């Protein structure tokens, strides 16, 4: 927890030193705000494969083992509680499918700030056809790194193969690890490093067509065509503690979330140059072809607004830190 707060404080101090123009992101819009007071530390984000304009999220460590389905207006539409599961350090969420090809959600209990756990876990639950509160069964997959323990906050599932990847979070740069396919519930699944990733990766996600994936840190994101083949990078809006990311249904933008109560989820366009490299033989569809889902609630922040946010960010970090410590004490 202390390392997480220290990282957030460091980001806040960096933002204070930046000019307002450096904090603006062209084309960025607020897509929704997480209004549910139960969502106070959103750490993972995944676009629903069953329900248009719905995203799934969950809290970080300290909460119940539950997932929230959030609609385009920011209201919680359903809560799924995982039966018999403890949320030790939930950090990531990804959409995939189960053994029968039905939409499923993968939750990564992969946080390990001290690097001491011999193995970590990923839970798979079926994505419900109807959105209502329910307690659901979960399949548990135990994962172990081939080269020793790591802290991680990014879980990705390739929609073409349903293969799972984990990106570790390390200050000097981490690794992208590939899980075996299919995953087994009756034995350890060994994660093997396949590529290097930038420092302090907090989440990642594949595009729905599988042609690219993104990895984010606290200030920006990186686009990859394949492990180890980066094709672009771009900035993300200033956030309290940017933790989560998912790719929109049209594959042309990302949704970037943050921890903290009443947090905003931003829609940020992917760089056109990266989209072209991901589909070199096909011209990307025009922006007007994107489905009218998750409409923006506001335009990109003005210099005055961003400067004001930057000035109060350090105070917000301290306040939320106190709230969080009191909640967990």
Foldseek 3Di string as FASTA:
>chain_A
DVVQLVVLLVLLVVLLPDALVVQFAPPKFFLEWQADQVQFFWAEWEDDPQDFQWIKTDHFADDAQKIFIAHRHNDTQEIEGEPPDHLHTWHYKYWEADPVGAIKMKIWSQADPPQDDQWTKIWIWGDDNDGYYDYGYIQIAIEGEPVGGFGFREWEAQHVQRWIWTWGAAQQWTFIWTWDPPTDSVDYIYTYTDAIGHHAWQYKYAANVRQWIWTDHQWWIWIARDHHRTFDIGTDHHFSGWHYWYADNLRFWMWTWGHGHRTTTMTHGDDLRSVCVSPVPDRRDDPVVDDPHSDGPGGIDDSVVSSVCSVCSSVVSVVVVVVVVVSND
